[in-house]
Amino acid sequence: MHPDIQTYNATLAPAQQEVVDLLAREIDKGLPQAENKIWHAHPVWFLEGNPIVGYSVQKPGVRLMFWSGADFHEPGLNVVGKKFKDASVFYNTVSEVKKAALRRWLKEAQEIQWDYKNLIKRKGRFERLK
């Protein structure tokens, strides 16, 4: 895990820190080839420069977001973005994180990808990569 992500996680309240530490470990296991870093002030994992998954702390809790999650065939990502192809779920405790579902989402994240990396170049038009 990138040192900046460790620093980000360490600044959170203990309950949030437990959640993000678990998420980071599972994401690293599920996407071992992914680059990870702080991007727009939050931890994000990338495949070939394309953002795949990340998390942030918001009022409802820790938001786990998949950039292409709106097209996943797995249930559970219940907050779908309005403008993009993202989908999210919120956690407040470690016990809410279902590892089996998370692992399925991470697998889907590799198989279903929209090209966010070139979105500006394409003037906001999405193209599916996989």
C-alpha atoms as a PDB file:
ATOM      1  CA  MET A   1       0.000   0.000   0.000  1.00  0.00           C
ATOM      2  CA  HIS A   2       1.230   3.474  -0.857  1.00  0.00           C
ATOM      3  CA  PRO A   3       2.596   5.324   2.223  1.00  0.00           C
ATOM      4  CA  ASP A   4       0.232   8.245   1.553  1.00  0.00           C
ATOM      5  CA  ILE A   5      -2.742   5.889   1.880  1.00  0.00           C
ATOM      6  CA  GLN A   6      -1.380   4.621   5.191  1.00  0.00           C
ATOM      7  CA  THR A   7      -1.103   8.238   6.341  1.00  0.00           C
ATOM      8  CA  TYR A   8      -4.673   8.961   5.174  1.00  0.00           C
ATOM      9  CA  ASN A   9      -5.987   5.935   7.065  1.00  0.00           C
ATOM     10  CA  ALA A  10      -4.076   6.864  10.221  1.00  0.00           C
ATOM     11  CA  THR A  11      -5.764  10.283  10.408  1.00  0.00           C
ATOM     12  CA  LEU A  12      -9.256   8.810  10.768  1.00  0.00           C
ATOM     13  CA  ALA A  13     -11.294   8.011  13.862  1.00  0.00           C
ATOM     14  CA  PRO A  14     -10.626   4.479  15.201  1.00  0.00           C
ATOM     15  CA  ALA A  15     -13.858   2.900  13.870  1.00  0.00           C
ATOM     16  CA  GLN A  16     -13.330   4.443  10.428  1.00  0.00           C
ATOM     17  CA  GLN A  17      -9.689   3.421  10.504  1.00  0.00           C
ATOM     18  CA  GLU A  18     -10.663  -0.217  11.073  1.00  0.00           C
ATOM     19  CA  VAL A  19     -13.010  -0.092   8.073  1.00  0.00           C
ATOM     20  CA  VAL A  20     -10.525   1.542   5.679  1.00  0.00           C
ATOM     21  CA  ASP A  21      -7.659  -0.696   6.774  1.00  0.00           C
ATOM     22  CA  LEU A  22      -9.803  -3.745   6.006  1.00  0.00           C
ATOM     23  CA  LEU A  23     -10.890  -2.279   2.656  1.00  0.00           C
ATOM     24  CA  ALA A  24      -7.306  -1.419   1.678  1.00  0.00           C
ATOM     25  CA  ARG A  25      -6.081  -4.940   2.514  1.00  0.00           C
ATOM     26  CA  GLU A  26      -8.908  -6.570   0.552  1.00  0.00           C
ATOM     27  CA  ILE A  27      -8.476  -4.243  -2.432  1.00  0.00           C
ATOM     28  CA  ASP A  28      -4.717  -4.935  -2.486  1.00  0.00           C
ATOM     29  CA  LYS A  29      -5.434  -8.697  -2.461  1.00  0.00           C
ATOM     30  CA  GLY A  30      -8.157  -8.463  -5.092  1.00  0.00           C
ATOM     31  CA  LEU A  31      -6.251  -6.106  -7.402  1.00  0.00           C
ATOM     32  CA  PRO A  32      -2.583  -7.021  -6.868  1.00  0.00           C
ATOM     33  CA  GLN A  33      -1.552  -5.464 -10.198  1.00  0.00           C
ATOM     34  CA  ALA A  34      -3.212  -2.112  -9.420  1.00  0.00           C
ATOM     35  CA  GLU A  35      -1.356   1.084  -8.700  1.00  0.00           C
ATOM     36  CA  ASN A  36      -2.693   2.901  -5.641  1.00  0.00           C
ATOM     37  CA  LYS A  37      -2.255   6.468  -4.491  1.00  0.00           C
ATOM     38  CA  ILE A  38      -4.046   9.480  -3.087  1.00  0.00           C
ATOM     39  CA  TRP A  39      -6.046  11.031  -5.929  1.00  0.00           C
ATOM     40  CA  HIS A  40      -8.291  14.056  -5.414  1.00  0.00           C
ATOM     41  CA  ALA A  41      -7.535  13.732  -1.671  1.00  0.00           C
ATOM     42  CA  HIS A  42      -8.715  10.088  -1.376  1.00  0.00           C
ATOM     43  CA  PRO A  43      -7.195   6.600  -1.758  1.00  0.00           C
ATOM     44  CA  VAL A  44      -7.782   5.209  -5.254  1.00  0.00           C
ATOM     45  CA  TRP A  45      -6.612   2.073  -7.079  1.00  0.00           C
ATOM     46  CA  PHE A  46      -5.922   2.210 -10.836  1.00  0.00           C
ATOM     47  CA  LEU A  47      -5.518  -0.374 -13.584  1.00  0.00           C
ATOM     48  CA  GLU A  48      -3.472   0.929 -16.511  1.00  0.00           C
ATOM     49  CA  GLY A  49      -4.083   4.501 -15.372  1.00  0.00           C
ATOM     50  CA  ASN A  50      -7.858   4.081 -15.154  1.00  0.00           C
ATOM     51  CA  PRO A  51      -9.472   4.588 -11.706  1.00  0.00           C
ATOM     52  CA  ILE A  52     -11.164   1.399 -10.518  1.00  0.00           C
ATOM     53  CA  VAL A  53     -12.008   1.638  -6.816  1.00  0.00           C
ATOM     54  CA  GLY A  54     -11.465   4.010  -3.946  1.00  0.00           C
ATOM     55  CA  TYR A  55     -12.838   5.131  -0.627  1.00  0.00           C
ATOM     56  CA  SER A  56     -13.504   8.333   1.230  1.00  0.00           C
ATOM     57  CA  VAL A  57     -15.054   9.397   4.511  1.00  0.00           C
ATOM     58  CA  GLN A  58     -18.387  11.195   4.203  1.00  0.00           C
ATOM     59  CA  LYS A  59     -21.248  11.992   6.576  1.00  0.00           C
ATOM     60  CA  PRO A  60     -23.044   8.640   6.062  1.00  0.00           C
ATOM     61  CA  GLY A  61     -19.773   6.740   6.702  1.00  0.00           C
ATOM     62  CA  VAL A  62     -16.884   5.319   4.717  1.00  0.00           C
ATOM     63  CA  ARG A  63     -17.883   5.347   1.056  1.00  0.00           C
ATOM     64  CA  LEU A  64     -16.456   2.532  -1.052  1.00  0.00           C
ATOM     65  CA  MET A  65     -16.844   3.543  -4.703  1.00  0.00           C
ATOM     66  CA  PHE A  66     -16.338   1.577  -7.882  1.00  0.00           C
ATOM     67  CA  TRP A  67     -15.947   3.858 -10.906  1.00  0.00           C
ATOM     68  CA  SER A  68     -17.751   1.415 -13.230  1.00  0.00           C
ATOM     69  CA  GLY A  69     -19.926  -0.175 -10.539  1.00  0.00           C
ATOM     70  CA  ALA A  70     -23.271   0.877 -12.027  1.00  0.00           C
ATOM     71  CA  ASP A  71     -22.820  -1.881 -14.604  1.00  0.00           C
ATOM     72  CA  PHE A  72     -21.802  -4.639 -12.200  1.00  0.00           C
ATOM     73  CA  HIS A  73     -24.046  -7.680 -12.142  1.00  0.00           C
ATOM     74  CA  GLU A  74     -23.562  -8.179  -8.410  1.00  0.00           C
ATOM     75  CA  PRO A  75     -26.045  -6.746  -5.899  1.00  0.00           C
ATOM     76  CA  GLY A  76     -25.113  -4.574  -2.947  1.00  0.00           C
ATOM     77  CA  LEU A  77     -23.727  -1.386  -4.466  1.00  0.00           C
ATOM     78  CA  ASN A  78     -26.768   0.647  -3.638  1.00  0.00           C
ATOM     79  CA  VAL A  79     -25.732   4.238  -4.293  1.00  0.00           C
ATOM     80  CA  VAL A  80     -25.509   4.762  -8.046  1.00  0.00           C
ATOM     81  CA  GLY A  81     -24.042   7.989  -9.396  1.00  0.00           C
ATOM     82  CA  LYS A  82     -26.216  10.269 -11.481  1.00  0.00           C
ATOM     83  CA  LYS A  83     -23.635  11.662 -13.916  1.00  0.00           C
ATOM     84  CA  PHE A  84     -21.074   8.882 -14.234  1.00  0.00           C
ATOM     85  CA  LYS A  85     -20.992   5.059 -14.169  1.00  0.00           C
ATOM     86  CA  ASP A  86     -20.054   4.788 -10.493  1.00  0.00           C
ATOM     87  CA  ALA A  87     -21.740   2.885  -7.700  1.00  0.00           C
ATOM     88  CA  SER A  88     -21.019   2.885  -3.977  1.00  0.00           C
ATOM     89  CA  VAL A  89     -21.782   1.438  -0.605  1.00  0.00           C
ATOM     90  CA  PHE A  90     -21.319   3.015   2.837  1.00  0.00           C
ATOM     91  CA  TYR A  91     -19.841   1.355   5.936  1.00  0.00           C
ATOM     92  CA  ASN A  92     -19.726   2.483   9.544  1.00  0.00           C
ATOM     93  CA  THR A  93     -18.285  -0.655  11.150  1.00  0.00           C
ATOM     94  CA  VAL A  94     -16.038  -3.509  10.077  1.00  0.00           C
ATOM     95  CA  SER A  95     -18.894  -5.964  10.678  1.00  0.00           C
ATOM     96  CA  GLU A  96     -20.861  -4.323   7.837  1.00  0.00           C
ATOM     97  CA  VAL A  97     -18.142  -5.194   5.296  1.00  0.00           C
ATOM     98  CA  LYS A  98     -19.041  -8.483   3.624  1.00  0.00           C
ATOM     99  CA  LYS A  99     -15.725  -9.777   2.322  1.00  0.00           C
ATOM    100  CA  ALA A 100     -17.306 -12.214  -0.133  1.00  0.00           C
ATOM    101  CA  ALA A 101     -19.308  -9.423  -1.781  1.00  0.00           C
ATOM    102  CA  LEU A 102     -16.270  -7.136  -1.825  1.00  0.00           C
ATOM    103  CA  ARG A 103     -14.204  -9.834  -3.543  1.00  0.00           C
ATOM    104  CA  ARG A 104     -16.916 -10.331  -6.185  1.00  0.00           C
ATOM    105  CA  TRP A 105     -17.058  -6.560  -6.813  1.00  0.00           C
ATOM    106  CA  LEU A 106     -13.282  -6.433  -7.180  1.00  0.00           C
ATOM    107  CA  LYS A 107     -13.463  -9.239  -9.747  1.00  0.00           C
ATOM    108  CA  GLU A 108     -16.205  -7.375 -11.630  1.00  0.00           C
ATOM    109  CA  ALA A 109     -14.112  -4.204 -11.476  1.00  0.00           C
ATOM    110  CA  GLN A 110     -11.462  -5.932 -13.563  1.00  0.00           C
ATOM    111  CA  GLU A 111     -13.984  -7.254 -16.074  1.00  0.00           C
ATOM    112  CA  ILE A 112     -16.199  -4.152 -16.449  1.00  0.00           C
ATOM    113  CA  GLN A 113     -14.372  -0.883 -17.000  1.00  0.00           C
ATOM    114  CA  TRP A 114     -15.387   2.436 -18.504  1.00  0.00           C
ATOM    115  CA  ASP A 115     -12.589   4.702 -19.709  1.00  0.00           C
ATOM    116  CA  TYR A 116     -12.339   7.467 -17.132  1.00  0.00           C
ATOM    117  CA  LYS A 117      -8.710   8.118 -17.976  1.00  0.00           C
ATOM    118  CA  ASN A 118      -9.617   9.691 -21.339  1.00  0.00           C
ATOM    119  CA  LEU A 119     -12.967  11.210 -20.379  1.00  0.00           C
ATOM    120  CA  ILE A 120     -11.786  14.814 -20.730  1.00  0.00           C
ATOM    121  CA  LYS A 121     -10.096  14.106 -24.055  1.00  0.00           C
ATOM    122  CA  ARG A 122     -13.398  12.648 -25.291  1.00  0.00           C
ATOM    123  CA  LYS A 123     -15.319  15.688 -23.976  1.00  0.00           C
ATOM    124  CA  GLY A 124     -17.291  13.692 -21.411  1.00  0.00           C
ATOM    125  CA  ARG A 125     -18.212  10.808 -23.721  1.00  0.00           C
ATOM    126  CA  PHE A 126     -17.735   7.386 -22.141  1.00  0.00           C
ATOM    127  CA  GLU A 127     -16.253   4.391 -23.916  1.00  0.00           C
ATOM    128  CA  ARG A 128     -16.246   0.926 -22.476  1.00  0.00           C
ATOM    129  CA  LEU A 129     -12.793  -0.644 -22.124  1.00  0.00           C
ATOM    130  CA  LYS A 130     -13.945  -4.105 -21.062  1.00  0.00           C
END
